[in-house]
N, C-alpha and C. Protein backbone atom coordinates (compact mmCIF):
# COMPACT_ATOMS: atom_id res chain seq x y z
N UNK A 1 10.00 4.01 -21.23
CA UNK A 1 9.61 3.11 -20.75
C UNK A 1 10.66 2.93 -19.54
N UNK A 2 12.01 3.34 -19.21
CA UNK A 2 12.90 2.61 -18.61
C UNK A 2 12.60 2.81 -17.22
N UNK A 3 11.68 3.67 -16.60
CA UNK A 3 11.19 3.54 -15.25
C UNK A 3 10.11 2.69 -15.12
N UNK A 4 9.75 1.98 -15.70
CA UNK A 4 8.40 0.87 -15.90
C UNK A 4 9.14 -0.47 -15.49
N UNK A 5 8.30 -1.63 -14.67
CA UNK A 5 9.04 -2.67 -14.27
C UNK A 5 8.67 -3.39 -16.03
N UNK A 6 9.41 -4.67 -15.69
CA UNK A 6 9.54 -5.37 -16.97
C UNK A 6 8.03 -6.05 -17.22
N UNK A 7 7.35 -6.50 -15.91
CA UNK A 7 5.95 -6.96 -15.88
C UNK A 7 5.27 -5.29 -16.89
N UNK A 8 5.20 -4.54 -16.81
CA UNK A 8 4.74 -3.12 -17.31
C UNK A 8 5.10 -2.90 -19.02
N UNK A 9 6.04 -3.22 -19.06
CA UNK A 9 7.25 -3.20 -20.33
C UNK A 9 6.27 -4.06 -21.47
N UNK A 10 6.48 -5.33 -20.78
CA UNK A 10 5.63 -6.42 -21.43
C UNK A 10 4.22 -6.24 -21.95
N UNK A 11 3.41 -5.88 -20.96
CA UNK A 11 2.25 -5.46 -21.43
C UNK A 11 1.89 -4.67 -22.22
N UNK A 12 2.76 -3.34 -22.12
CA UNK A 12 2.75 -2.24 -23.10
C UNK A 12 3.14 -2.51 -24.48
N UNK A 13 4.03 -3.63 -24.57
CA UNK A 13 4.37 -4.22 -26.06
C UNK A 13 3.63 -4.99 -26.48
N UNK A 14 2.65 -5.78 -25.83
CA UNK A 14 1.82 -6.78 -26.23
C UNK A 14 0.84 -6.07 -26.74
N UNK A 15 0.13 -5.04 -26.18
CA UNK A 15 -0.82 -4.27 -26.24
C UNK A 15 -0.98 -3.50 -27.33
N UNK A 16 0.40 -3.03 -28.08
CA UNK A 16 0.46 -2.90 -29.67
C UNK A 16 0.39 -3.44 -30.30
N UNK A 17 0.41 -4.78 -30.01
CA UNK A 17 0.18 -5.79 -31.20
C UNK A 17 -1.68 -5.75 -31.64
N UNK A 18 -2.12 -5.14 -30.68
CA UNK A 18 -3.62 -5.26 -31.06
C UNK A 18 -4.44 -4.32 -30.51
N UNK A 19 -5.47 -4.10 -31.28
CA UNK A 19 -6.70 -3.01 -30.47
C UNK A 19 -6.99 -3.29 -29.23
N UNK A 20 -7.37 -4.26 -28.77
CA UNK A 20 -7.61 -4.30 -27.01
C UNK A 20 -7.56 -5.71 -26.94
N UNK A 21 -6.87 -6.10 -25.38
CA UNK A 21 -7.01 -7.63 -25.21
C UNK A 21 -7.66 -8.03 -23.77
N UNK A 22 -8.16 -8.85 -23.66
CA UNK A 22 -8.33 -9.34 -22.46
C UNK A 22 -6.73 -10.03 -21.54
N UNK A 23 -7.52 -9.86 -20.35
CA UNK A 23 -6.29 -10.19 -19.61
C UNK A 23 -5.96 -11.57 -19.70
N UNK A 24 -6.53 -12.28 -20.16
CA UNK A 24 -6.30 -14.16 -20.52
C UNK A 24 -5.32 -13.66 -21.96
N UNK A 25 -5.93 -13.12 -22.84
CA UNK A 25 -5.10 -13.43 -24.05
C UNK A 25 -3.91 -12.40 -23.76
N UNK A 26 -3.43 -11.23 -22.96
CA UNK A 26 -2.32 -10.86 -22.55
C UNK A 26 -1.59 -11.94 -22.24
N UNK A 27 -1.74 -12.57 -21.16
CA UNK A 27 -1.25 -13.60 -20.47
C UNK A 27 -0.51 -14.60 -21.68
N UNK A 28 -1.72 -15.08 -22.51
CA UNK A 28 -1.15 -15.90 -24.03
C UNK A 28 -0.14 -15.57 -24.25
N UNK A 29 -0.21 -14.45 -24.83
CA UNK A 29 1.11 -13.54 -25.75
C UNK A 29 2.29 -13.46 -24.88
N UNK A 30 2.22 -13.24 -23.49
CA UNK A 30 3.09 -13.19 -22.81
C UNK A 30 4.37 -14.49 -22.53
N UNK A 31 3.32 -15.49 -22.72
CA UNK A 31 3.95 -17.01 -22.79
C UNK A 31 4.42 -17.32 -24.16
N UNK A 32 4.27 -16.44 -25.51
CA UNK A 32 4.64 -16.71 -26.58
C UNK A 32 5.94 -16.47 -26.62
N UNK A 33 6.96 -17.37 -27.83
CA UNK A 33 8.28 -17.27 -27.68
C UNK A 33 8.57 -15.63 -27.95
N UNK A 34 8.01 -14.67 -28.99
CA UNK A 34 8.56 -13.48 -29.28
C UNK A 34 8.82 -12.70 -27.99
N UNK A 35 7.94 -12.97 -26.87
CA UNK A 35 7.72 -11.83 -25.78
C UNK A 35 8.98 -12.72 -24.40
N UNK A 36 8.78 -14.04 -24.62
CA UNK A 36 9.50 -14.55 -23.56
C UNK A 36 10.65 -14.09 -22.68
N UNK A 37 11.73 -13.53 -23.12
CA UNK A 37 12.52 -12.67 -22.67
C UNK A 37 11.96 -11.62 -21.49
N UNK A 38 11.14 -10.63 -22.05
CA UNK A 38 10.78 -9.53 -21.38
C UNK A 38 9.50 -10.13 -20.38
N UNK A 39 8.86 -11.00 -20.74
CA UNK A 39 7.41 -11.29 -19.94
C UNK A 39 7.88 -12.92 -19.21
N UNK A 40 8.86 -12.79 -18.49
CA UNK A 40 9.52 -14.08 -17.78
C UNK A 40 8.45 -13.84 -16.51
N UNK A 41 8.05 -12.70 -15.79
CA UNK A 41 7.85 -12.70 -14.48
C UNK A 41 6.15 -12.62 -14.79
N UNK A 42 5.66 -12.61 -15.94
CA UNK A 42 4.36 -12.37 -15.86
C UNK A 42 3.48 -14.07 -15.90
N UNK A 43 3.56 -14.45 -14.42
CA UNK A 43 3.60 -15.78 -14.63
C UNK A 43 1.79 -16.06 -14.14
N UNK A 44 1.03 -15.28 -14.25
CA UNK A 44 -0.40 -15.50 -13.58
C UNK A 44 -1.72 -13.89 -14.09
N UNK A 45 -2.66 -14.23 -14.45
CA UNK A 45 -3.57 -13.39 -14.68
C UNK A 45 -3.53 -12.12 -13.35
N UNK A 46 -3.29 -12.31 -12.22
CA UNK A 46 -3.26 -12.03 -10.77
C UNK A 46 -2.16 -10.36 -10.95
N UNK A 47 -1.23 -11.04 -11.66
CA UNK A 47 -0.11 -10.21 -11.99
C UNK A 47 0.13 -9.36 -12.98
N UNK A 48 -0.89 -9.81 -14.08
CA UNK A 48 -0.94 -8.96 -15.46
C UNK A 48 -2.08 -8.07 -14.50
N UNK A 49 -3.08 -8.20 -13.93
CA UNK A 49 -4.02 -7.33 -13.76
C UNK A 49 -3.65 -6.62 -12.67
N UNK A 50 -2.96 -6.61 -11.97
CA UNK A 50 -1.93 -5.93 -10.83
C UNK A 50 -1.33 -4.53 -11.90
N UNK A 51 -0.28 -5.56 -12.81
CA UNK A 51 0.73 -4.61 -13.35
C UNK A 51 -0.26 -3.45 -14.33
N UNK A 52 -1.37 -4.18 -14.74
CA UNK A 52 -2.49 -3.11 -15.92
C UNK A 52 -2.88 -2.06 -15.21
N UNK A 53 -3.16 -2.54 -14.02
CA UNK A 53 -3.76 -1.46 -12.60
C UNK A 53 -3.22 -0.10 -12.60
N UNK A 54 -1.65 -0.67 -12.72
CA UNK A 54 -0.67 0.51 -12.32
C UNK A 54 -0.84 1.34 -13.52
N UNK A 55 -0.86 0.40 -14.68
CA UNK A 55 -0.64 1.46 -16.20
C UNK A 55 -1.89 2.17 -16.34
N UNK A 56 -3.16 1.49 -15.62
CA UNK A 56 -3.80 2.41 -15.80
C UNK A 56 -4.15 3.72 -14.96
N UNK A 57 -3.39 3.98 -13.92
CA UNK A 57 -3.26 4.57 -12.87
C UNK A 57 -2.78 5.61 -13.51
N UNK A 58 -1.38 5.13 -14.49
CA UNK A 58 -0.44 6.28 -15.11
C UNK A 58 -0.93 6.93 -16.33
N UNK A 59 -2.00 6.44 -16.55
CA UNK A 59 -2.82 6.97 -17.90
C UNK A 59 -2.12 6.21 -19.29
N UNK A 60 -1.10 5.46 -19.26
CA UNK A 60 -0.87 4.51 -20.33
C UNK A 60 -1.91 3.70 -21.14
N UNK A 61 -2.67 3.02 -20.09
CA UNK A 61 -3.53 1.97 -20.71
C UNK A 61 -5.34 2.18 -20.19
N UNK A 62 -5.80 1.99 -20.77
CA UNK A 62 -7.64 1.92 -20.28
C UNK A 62 -8.15 0.85 -20.03
N UNK A 63 -8.61 0.42 -19.36
CA UNK A 63 -9.36 -1.00 -19.10
C UNK A 63 -11.09 -0.94 -19.24
N UNK A 64 -11.98 -1.47 -19.74
CA UNK A 64 -13.05 -1.57 -19.61
C UNK A 64 -13.80 -3.01 -19.46
N UNK A 65 -14.48 -3.16 -18.63
CA UNK A 65 -15.47 -4.64 -18.60
C UNK A 65 -16.31 -4.88 -19.75
N UNK A 66 -15.91 -6.63 -19.66
CA UNK A 66 -16.67 -6.59 -20.81
C UNK A 66 -16.91 -7.91 -21.03
N UNK A 67 -17.03 -8.62 -21.69
CA UNK A 67 -17.63 -9.78 -22.20
C UNK A 67 -15.72 -10.58 -22.19
N UNK A 68 -15.67 -11.63 -21.48
CA UNK A 68 -14.67 -12.09 -21.24
C UNK A 68 -13.58 -11.67 -20.02
N UNK A 69 -14.36 -10.98 -19.07
CA UNK A 69 -13.80 -9.74 -18.24
C UNK A 69 -13.35 -8.63 -18.58
N UNK A 70 -12.10 -7.84 -18.30
CA UNK A 70 -11.46 -6.83 -18.84
C UNK A 70 -10.52 -6.95 -20.32
N UNK A 71 -11.16 -5.63 -20.71
CA UNK A 71 -10.33 -5.82 -21.81
C UNK A 71 -9.26 -4.63 -21.81
N UNK A 72 -8.24 -4.34 -21.91
CA UNK A 72 -7.02 -3.35 -21.89
C UNK A 72 -6.77 -3.01 -23.43
N UNK A 73 -6.26 -1.31 -23.30
CA UNK A 73 -6.04 -1.03 -24.51
C UNK A 73 -5.02 0.22 -24.36
N UNK A 74 -4.44 0.75 -25.08
CA UNK A 74 -3.11 1.57 -25.20
C UNK A 74 -4.08 2.92 -25.07
N UNK A 75 -3.33 3.69 -24.80
CA UNK A 75 -4.29 4.90 -24.41
C UNK A 75 -3.62 5.81 -25.44
N UNK A 76 -4.16 6.56 -26.74
CA UNK A 76 -3.17 7.26 -27.39
C UNK A 76 -3.30 8.60 -27.37
N UNK A 77 -2.12 8.99 -27.48
CA UNK A 77 -1.83 10.17 -27.37
C UNK A 77 -1.21 10.73 -28.41
């Protein structure tokens, strides 16, 4: 993960805690104490969505549109 941004590392670590999460759920988790140091730059939904889309392009996570907006999940390899 060393070539990933802190935001990307943050999203990946959060997604390891659940099967899938919405952008809002990721943002809420990023504000939690256990992710505070790593996720300091995850200031808003736009930042989360942009970073998550970059991770989709790299094949690390997937996105599906559904109730509550986009749902993100790790790609199992």
